[in-house]
PDB file of N, CA and C in Angstrom:
ATOM      1  N   UNK A   1     138.220 371.726 166.282  1.00  0.00           N
ATOM      2  CA  UNK A   1     139.346 371.520 165.419  1.00  0.00           C
ATOM      3  C   UNK A   1     140.663 371.375 166.337  1.00  0.00           C
ATOM      4  N   UNK A   2     141.440 370.387 165.934  1.00  0.00           N
ATOM      5  CA  UNK A   2     142.662 370.041 166.671  1.00  0.00           C
ATOM      6  C   UNK A   2     143.771 370.974 166.307  1.00  0.00           C
ATOM      7  N   UNK A   3     144.535 371.369 167.333  1.00  0.00           N
ATOM      8  CA  UNK A   3     145.731 372.265 167.057  1.00  0.00           C
ATOM      9  C   UNK A   3     146.861 371.409 166.522  1.00  0.00           C
ATOM     10  N   UNK A   4     147.715 371.986 165.740  1.00  0.00           N
ATOM     11  CA  UNK A   4     148.836 371.262 165.250  1.00  0.00           C
ATOM     12  C   UNK A   4     149.809 370.855 166.377  1.00  0.00           C
ATOM     13  N   UNK A   5     150.112 371.714 167.313  1.00  0.00           N
ATOM     14  CA  UNK A   5     150.967 371.411 168.398  1.00  0.00           C
ATOM     15  C   UNK A   5     150.199 371.773 169.640  1.00  0.00           C
ATOM     16  N   UNK A   6     149.311 370.865 170.156  1.00  0.00           N
ATOM     17  CA  UNK A   6     148.547 371.266 171.412  1.00  0.00           C
ATOM     18  C   UNK A   6     149.546 371.299 172.585  1.00  0.00           C
ATOM     19  N   UNK A   7     149.260 372.087 173.684  1.00  0.00           N
ATOM     20  CA  UNK A   7     150.091 372.170 174.805  1.00  0.00           C
ATOM     21  C   UNK A   7     150.063 370.772 175.531  1.00  0.00           C
ATOM     22  N   UNK A   8     151.081 370.400 176.190  1.00  0.00           N
ATOM     23  CA  UNK A   8     151.114 369.160 176.927  1.00  0.00           C
ATOM     24  C   UNK A   8     150.104 369.086 178.064  1.00  0.00           C
ATOM     25  N   UNK A   9     149.905 370.193 178.700  1.00  0.00           N
ATOM     26  CA  UNK A   9     148.973 370.266 179.899  1.00  0.00           C
ATOM     27  C   UNK A   9     148.164 371.521 179.800  1.00  0.00           C
ATOM     28  N   UNK A  10     146.948 371.462 180.312  1.00  0.00           N
ATOM     29  CA  UNK A  10     146.189 372.646 180.468  1.00  0.00           C
ATOM     30  C   UNK A  10     146.800 373.589 181.531  1.00  0.00           C
ATOM     31  N   UNK A  11     146.485 374.817 181.488  1.00  0.00           N
ATOM     32  CA  UNK A  11     146.993 375.801 182.575  1.00  0.00           C
ATOM     33  C   UNK A  11     146.650 375.341 183.973  1.00  0.00           C
ATOM     34  N   UNK A  12     145.501 374.886 184.208  1.00  0.00           N
ATOM     35  CA  UNK A  12     145.066 374.468 185.536  1.00  0.00           C
ATOM     36  C   UNK A  12     145.935 373.212 185.934  1.00  0.00           C
ATOM     37  N   UNK A  13     146.225 372.249 185.095  1.00  0.00           N
ATOM     38  CA  UNK A  13     147.049 371.073 185.432  1.00  0.00           C
ATOM     39  C   UNK A  13     148.491 371.528 185.738  1.00  0.00           C
ATOM     40  N   UNK A  14     148.971 372.524 185.069  1.00  0.00           N
ATOM     41  CA  UNK A  14     150.293 373.052 185.248  1.00  0.00           C
ATOM     42  C   UNK A  14     150.374 373.638 186.625  1.00  0.00           C
ATOM     43  N   UNK A  15     149.371 374.445 187.028  1.00  0.00           N
ATOM     44  CA  UNK A  15     149.360 375.052 188.348  1.00  0.00           C
ATOM     45  C   UNK A  15     149.228 373.970 189.450  1.00  0.00           C
ATOM     46  N   UNK A  16     148.344 373.058 189.324  1.00  0.00           N
ATOM     47  CA  UNK A  16     148.127 371.988 190.283  1.00  0.00           C
ATOM     48  C   UNK A  16     149.380 371.141 190.512  1.00  0.00           C
ATOM     49  N   UNK A  17     150.152 370.964 189.340  1.00  0.00           N
ATOM     50  CA  UNK A  17     151.311 370.007 189.539  1.00  0.00           C
ATOM     51  C   UNK A  17     152.575 370.805 189.768  1.00  0.00           C
ATOM     52  N   UNK A  18     152.506 372.125 189.770  1.00  0.00           N
ATOM     53  CA  UNK A  18     153.721 372.904 190.098  1.00  0.00           C
ATOM     54  C   UNK A  18     154.587 373.077 188.826  1.00  0.00           C
ATOM     55  N   UNK A  19     154.148 372.592 187.713  1.00  0.00           N
ATOM     56  CA  UNK A  19     154.951 372.605 186.492  1.00  0.00           C
ATOM     57  C   UNK A  19     154.656 373.913 185.766  1.00  0.00           C
ATOM     58  N   UNK A  20     155.565 374.883 185.806  1.00  0.00           N
ATOM     59  CA  UNK A  20     155.280 376.249 185.243  1.00  0.00           C
ATOM     60  C   UNK A  20     155.294 376.368 183.748  1.00  0.00           C
ATOM     61  N   UNK A  21     155.928 375.387 183.051  1.00  0.00           N
ATOM     62  CA  UNK A  21     155.958 375.649 181.612  1.00  0.00           C
ATOM     63  C   UNK A  21     155.343 374.414 180.857  1.00  0.00           C
ATOM     64  N   UNK A  22     154.813 373.464 181.508  1.00  0.00           N
ATOM     65  CA  UNK A  22     154.105 372.267 180.800  1.00  0.00           C
ATOM     66  C   UNK A  22     155.078 371.295 180.258  1.00  0.00           C
ATOM     67  N   UNK A  23     156.227 371.230 180.722  1.00  0.00           N
ATOM     68  CA  UNK A  23     157.222 370.345 180.285  1.00  0.00           C
ATOM     69  C   UNK A  23     157.433 369.031 180.982  1.00  0.00           C
ATOM     70  N   UNK A  24     156.419 368.613 181.774  1.00  0.00           N
ATOM     71  CA  UNK A  24     156.462 367.371 182.509  1.00  0.00           C
ATOM     72  C   UNK A  24     156.611 366.228 181.546  1.00  0.00           C
ATOM     73  N   UNK A  25     157.864 365.547 181.568  1.00  0.00           N
ATOM     74  CA  UNK A  25     158.089 364.467 180.715  1.00  0.00           C
ATOM     75  C   UNK A  25     157.290 363.223 180.975  1.00  0.00           C
ATOM     76  N   UNK A  26     156.671 363.123 182.136  1.00  0.00           N
ATOM     77  CA  UNK A  26     155.827 361.907 182.390  1.00  0.00           C
ATOM     78  C   UNK A  26     154.381 362.043 181.857  1.00  0.00           C
ATOM     79  N   UNK A  27     154.043 363.223 181.413  1.00  0.00           N
ATOM     80  CA  UNK A  27     152.708 363.451 180.979  1.00  0.00           C
ATOM     81  C   UNK A  27     152.499 363.091 179.531  1.00  0.00           C
ATOM     82  N   UNK A  28     151.784 362.000 179.302  1.00  0.00           N
ATOM     83  CA  UNK A  28     151.542 361.551 177.909  1.00  0.00           C
ATOM     84  C   UNK A  28     150.330 362.106 177.211  1.00  0.00           C
ATOM     85  N   UNK A  29     149.447 362.587 177.988  1.00  0.00           N
ATOM     86  CA  UNK A  29     148.192 363.042 177.510  1.00  0.00           C
ATOM     87  C   UNK A  29     148.284 364.588 177.079  1.00  0.00           C
ATOM     88  N   UNK A  30     147.847 364.901 175.907  1.00  0.00           N
ATOM     89  CA  UNK A  30     147.864 366.278 175.428  1.00  0.00           C
ATOM     90  C   UNK A  30     146.510 366.910 175.695  1.00  0.00           C
ATOM     91  N   UNK A  31     146.555 368.213 175.689  1.00  0.00           N
ATOM     92  CA  UNK A  31     145.326 368.959 176.025  1.00  0.00           C
ATOM     93  C   UNK A  31     144.161 368.543 175.161  1.00  0.00           C
ATOM     94  N   UNK A  32     144.419 368.249 173.856  1.00  0.00           N
ATOM     95  CA  UNK A  32     143.316 367.888 172.932  1.00  0.00           C
ATOM     96  C   UNK A  32     142.693 366.476 173.275  1.00  0.00           C
ATOM     97  N   UNK A  33     143.354 365.687 174.057  1.00  0.00           N
ATOM     98  CA  UNK A  33     142.754 364.420 174.460  1.00  0.00           C
ATOM     99  C   UNK A  33     141.957 364.531 175.782  1.00  0.00           C
ATOM    100  N   UNK A  34     141.813 365.717 176.346  1.00  0.00           N
ATOM    101  CA  UNK A  34     141.133 365.859 177.566  1.00  0.00           C
ATOM    102  C   UNK A  34     139.722 366.418 177.303  1.00  0.00           C
ATOM    103  N   UNK A  35     138.759 365.929 177.970  1.00  0.00           N
ATOM    104  CA  UNK A  35     137.375 366.356 177.805  1.00  0.00           C
ATOM    105  C   UNK A  35     136.612 366.465 179.053  1.00  0.00           C
ATOM    106  N   UNK A  36     135.295 366.563 178.977  1.00  0.00           N
ATOM    107  CA  UNK A  36     134.567 366.564 180.193  1.00  0.00           C
ATOM    108  C   UNK A  36     133.200 365.932 179.882  1.00  0.00           C
ATOM    109  N   UNK A  37     132.590 365.408 181.017  1.00  0.00           N
ATOM    110  CA  UNK A  37     131.253 364.751 180.783  1.00  0.00           C
ATOM    111  C   UNK A  37     130.376 365.212 181.937  1.00  0.00           C
ATOM    112  N   UNK A  38     129.124 364.879 181.807  1.00  0.00           N
ATOM    113  CA  UNK A  38     128.189 365.318 182.909  1.00  0.00           C
ATOM    114  C   UNK A  38     127.043 364.266 182.868  1.00  0.00           C
ATOM    115  N   UNK A  39     126.554 363.942 183.977  1.00  0.00           N
ATOM    116  CA  UNK A  39     125.313 363.224 184.194  1.00  0.00           C
ATOM    117  C   UNK A  39     124.382 363.909 185.197  1.00  0.00           C
ATOM    118  N   UNK A  40     123.197 364.111 184.951  1.00  0.00           N
ATOM    119  CA  UNK A  40     122.319 364.792 185.851  1.00  0.00           C
ATOM    120  C   UNK A  40     121.011 363.996 185.885  1.00  0.00           C
ATOM    121  N   UNK A  41     120.426 363.711 187.135  1.00  0.00           N
ATOM    122  CA  UNK A  41     119.250 363.006 187.220  1.00  0.00           C
ATOM    123  C   UNK A  41     118.321 363.844 188.220  1.00  0.00           C
ATOM    124  N   UNK A  42     117.110 363.949 187.768  1.00  0.00           N
ATOM    125  CA  UNK A  42     116.123 364.672 188.537  1.00  0.00           C
ATOM    126  C   UNK A  42     114.955 363.684 188.910  1.00  0.00           C
ATOM    127  N   UNK A  43     114.701 363.403 190.121  1.00  0.00           N
ATOM    128  CA  UNK A  43     113.705 362.522 190.490  1.00  0.00           C
ATOM    129  C   UNK A  43     112.485 363.336 191.046  1.00  0.00           C
ATOM    130  N   UNK A  44     111.420 363.180 190.281  1.00  0.00           N
ATOM    131  CA  UNK A  44     110.116 363.810 190.703  1.00  0.00           C
ATOM    132  C   UNK A  44     109.276 362.863 191.468  1.00  0.00           C
ATOM    133  N   UNK A  45     109.311 362.888 192.811  1.00  0.00           N
ATOM    134  CA  UNK A  45     108.576 362.043 193.612  1.00  0.00           C
ATOM    135  C   UNK A  45     107.083 362.058 193.467  1.00  0.00           C
ATOM    136  N   UNK A  46     106.575 363.255 193.210  1.00  0.00           N
ATOM    137  CA  UNK A  46     105.124 363.413 193.001  1.00  0.00           C
ATOM    138  C   UNK A  46     104.666 362.728 191.783  1.00  0.00           C
ATOM    139  N   UNK A  47     105.369 362.786 190.719  1.00  0.00           N
ATOM    140  CA  UNK A  47     105.053 362.127 189.405  1.00  0.00           C
ATOM    141  C   UNK A  47     105.529 360.683 189.261  1.00  0.00           C
ATOM    142  N   UNK A  48     106.412 360.326 190.331  1.00  0.00           N
ATOM    143  CA  UNK A  48     107.107 359.059 190.239  1.00  0.00           C
ATOM    144  C   UNK A  48     107.828 358.716 188.998  1.00  0.00           C
ATOM    145  N   UNK A  49     108.667 359.778 188.569  1.00  0.00           N
ATOM    146  CA  UNK A  49     109.400 359.731 187.310  1.00  0.00           C
ATOM    147  C   UNK A  49     110.900 360.202 187.630  1.00  0.00           C
ATOM    148  N   UNK A  50     111.751 359.734 186.823  1.00  0.00           N
ATOM    149  CA  UNK A  50     113.123 360.157 186.854  1.00  0.00           C
ATOM    150  C   UNK A  50     113.510 360.705 185.470  1.00  0.00           C
ATOM    151  N   UNK A  51     114.114 361.899 185.478  1.00  0.00           N
ATOM    152  CA  UNK A  51     114.554 362.476 184.241  1.00  0.00           C
ATOM    153  C   UNK A  51     116.088 362.482 184.195  1.00  0.00           C
ATOM    154  N   UNK A  52     116.716 362.023 183.131  1.00  0.00           N
ATOM    155  CA  UNK A  52     118.121 361.916 183.010  1.00  0.00           C
ATOM    156  C   UNK A  52     118.654 362.725 181.835  1.00  0.00           C
ATOM    157  N   UNK A  53     119.665 363.508 182.107  1.00  0.00           N
ATOM    158  CA  UNK A  53     120.390 364.258 181.001  1.00  0.00           C
ATOM    159  C   UNK A  53     121.866 363.963 181.153  1.00  0.00           C
ATOM    160  N   UNK A  54     122.495 363.798 179.971  1.00  0.00           N
ATOM    161  CA  UNK A  54     123.828 363.595 179.942  1.00  0.00           C
ATOM    162  C   UNK A  54     124.594 364.287 178.796  1.00  0.00           C
ATOM    163  N   UNK A  55     125.880 364.555 178.932  1.00  0.00           N
ATOM    164  CA  UNK A  55     126.640 365.197 177.907  1.00  0.00           C
ATOM    165  C   UNK A  55     127.995 364.542 177.924  1.00  0.00           C
ATOM    166  N   UNK A  56     128.504 364.210 176.773  1.00  0.00           N
ATOM    167  CA  UNK A  56     129.795 363.548 176.707  1.00  0.00           C
ATOM    168  C   UNK A  56     129.699 362.017 176.730  1.00  0.00           C
ATOM    169  N   UNK A  57     130.714 361.358 177.018  1.00  0.00           N
ATOM    170  CA  UNK A  57     130.611 359.846 176.862  1.00  0.00           C
ATOM    171  C   UNK A  57     130.507 359.297 178.312  1.00  0.00           C
ATOM    172  N   UNK A  58     129.665 359.972 179.090  1.00  0.00           N
ATOM    173  CA  UNK A  58     129.263 359.261 180.398  1.00  0.00           C
ATOM    174  C   UNK A  58     127.939 358.595 180.258  1.00  0.00           C
ATOM    175  N   UNK A  59     127.857 357.481 180.893  1.00  0.00           N
ATOM    176  CA  UNK A  59     126.637 356.717 180.881  1.00  0.00           C
ATOM    177  C   UNK A  59     125.942 356.693 182.226  1.00  0.00           C
ATOM    178  N   UNK A  60     124.707 356.887 182.101  1.00  0.00           N
ATOM    179  CA  UNK A  60     123.834 356.818 183.372  1.00  0.00           C
ATOM    180  C   UNK A  60     123.113 355.457 183.383  1.00  0.00           C
ATOM    181  N   UNK A  61     123.326 354.706 184.555  1.00  0.00           N
ATOM    182  CA  UNK A  61     122.660 353.478 184.641  1.00  0.00           C
ATOM    183  C   UNK A  61     121.944 353.429 185.942  1.00  0.00           C
ATOM    184  N   UNK A  62     121.041 352.481 186.110  1.00  0.00           N
ATOM    185  CA  UNK A  62     120.271 352.300 187.374  1.00  0.00           C
ATOM    186  C   UNK A  62     120.180 350.777 187.550  1.00  0.00           C
ATOM    187  N   UNK A  63     120.173 350.379 188.836  1.00  0.00           N
ATOM    188  CA  UNK A  63     120.009 348.996 189.152  1.00  0.00           C
ATOM    189  C   UNK A  63     118.512 348.762 189.429  1.00  0.00           C
ATOM    190  N   UNK A  64     117.961 347.741 188.844  1.00  0.00           N
ATOM    191  CA  UNK A  64     116.516 347.366 189.072  1.00  0.00           C
ATOM    192  C   UNK A  64     116.493 345.801 189.083  1.00  0.00           C
ATOM    193  N   UNK A  65     115.980 345.269 190.145  1.00  0.00           N
ATOM    194  CA  UNK A  65     115.832 343.893 190.337  1.00  0.00           C
ATOM    195  C   UNK A  65     117.031 343.098 190.029  1.00  0.00           C
ATOM    196  N   UNK A  66     118.223 343.599 190.504  1.00  0.00           N
ATOM    197  CA  UNK A  66     119.489 343.013 190.299  1.00  0.00           C
ATOM    198  C   UNK A  66     120.096 343.158 188.889  1.00  0.00           C
ATOM    199  N   UNK A  67     119.509 343.887 188.056  1.00  0.00           N
ATOM    200  CA  UNK A  67     120.045 344.184 186.633  1.00  0.00           C
ATOM    201  C   UNK A  67     120.348 345.532 186.450  1.00  0.00           C
ATOM    202  N   UNK A  68     121.186 345.811 185.490  1.00  0.00           N
ATOM    203  CA  UNK A  68     121.608 347.162 185.097  1.00  0.00           C
ATOM    204  C   UNK A  68     120.820 347.641 183.980  1.00  0.00           C
ATOM    205  N   UNK A  69     120.128 348.789 184.219  1.00  0.00           N
ATOM    206  CA  UNK A  69     119.255 349.420 183.239  1.00  0.00           C
ATOM    207  C   UNK A  69     119.901 350.724 182.729  1.00  0.00           C
ATOM    208  N   UNK A  70     120.252 350.770 181.366  1.00  0.00           N
ATOM    209  CA  UNK A  70     120.780 351.937 180.859  1.00  0.00           C
ATOM    210  C   UNK A  70     119.768 353.039 180.785  1.00  0.00           C
ATOM    211  N   UNK A  71     120.113 354.234 181.176  1.00  0.00           N
ATOM    212  CA  UNK A  71     119.250 355.350 181.245  1.00  0.00           C
ATOM    213  C   UNK A  71     119.592 356.539 180.269  1.00  0.00           C
ATOM    214  N   UNK A  72     120.807 356.371 179.658  1.00  0.00           N
ATOM    215  CA  UNK A  72     121.279 357.425 178.751  1.00  0.00           C
ATOM    216  C   UNK A  72     122.124 356.729 177.651  1.00  0.00           C
ATOM    217  N   UNK A  73     122.466 357.543 176.662  1.00  0.00           N
ATOM    218  CA  UNK A  73     123.223 357.128 175.451  1.00  0.00           C
ATOM    219  C   UNK A  73     124.470 357.920 175.382  1.00  0.00           C
ATOM    220  N   UNK A  74     125.669 357.302 175.214  1.00  0.00           N
ATOM    221  CA  UNK A  74     126.921 358.049 175.087  1.00  0.00           C
ATOM    222  C   UNK A  74     126.854 359.108 173.929  1.00  0.00           C
ATOM    223  N   UNK A  75     127.464 360.250 174.206  1.00  0.00           N
ATOM    224  CA  UNK A  75     127.634 361.188 173.083  1.00  0.00           C
ATOM    225  C   UNK A  75     129.039 361.050 172.613  1.00  0.00           C
ATOM    226  N   UNK A  76     129.250 360.631 171.315  1.00  0.00           N
ATOM    227  CA  UNK A  76     130.559 360.362 170.790  1.00  0.00           C
ATOM    228  C   UNK A  76     130.668 361.182 169.460  1.00  0.00           C
ATOM    229  N   UNK A  77     131.817 361.622 169.149  1.00  0.00           N
ATOM    230  CA  UNK A  77     132.061 362.297 167.898  1.00  0.00           C
ATOM    231  C   UNK A  77     131.492 361.623 166.679  1.00  0.00           C
ATOM    232  N   UNK A  78     131.572 360.335 166.575  1.00  0.00           N
ATOM    233  CA  UNK A  78     131.143 359.535 165.451  1.00  0.00           C
ATOM    234  C   UNK A  78     129.621 359.327 165.447  1.00  0.00           C
ATOM    235  N   UNK A  79     128.930 359.763 166.458  1.00  0.00           N
ATOM    236  CA  UNK A  79     127.445 359.502 166.487  1.00  0.00           C
ATOM    237  C   UNK A  79     126.765 360.801 166.005  1.00  0.00           C
TER     238      UNK A  79
END
């Protein structure tokens, strides 16, 4: 659920940028527009298989014979 007035920056970004109160005028992104993603791949050499897991809108791809092969599907709010 989106907040009515989200903070301009997350606390960690405020600390890293030295901005104590989150009033950096050059910061256009609000906290509600920040997210995270992850891709994990496990290669089982004995089985000769690769297992892929992802969360968020990250995509895992692999090159094979000069072509890009998609190994995951993006997670989007509308899906």
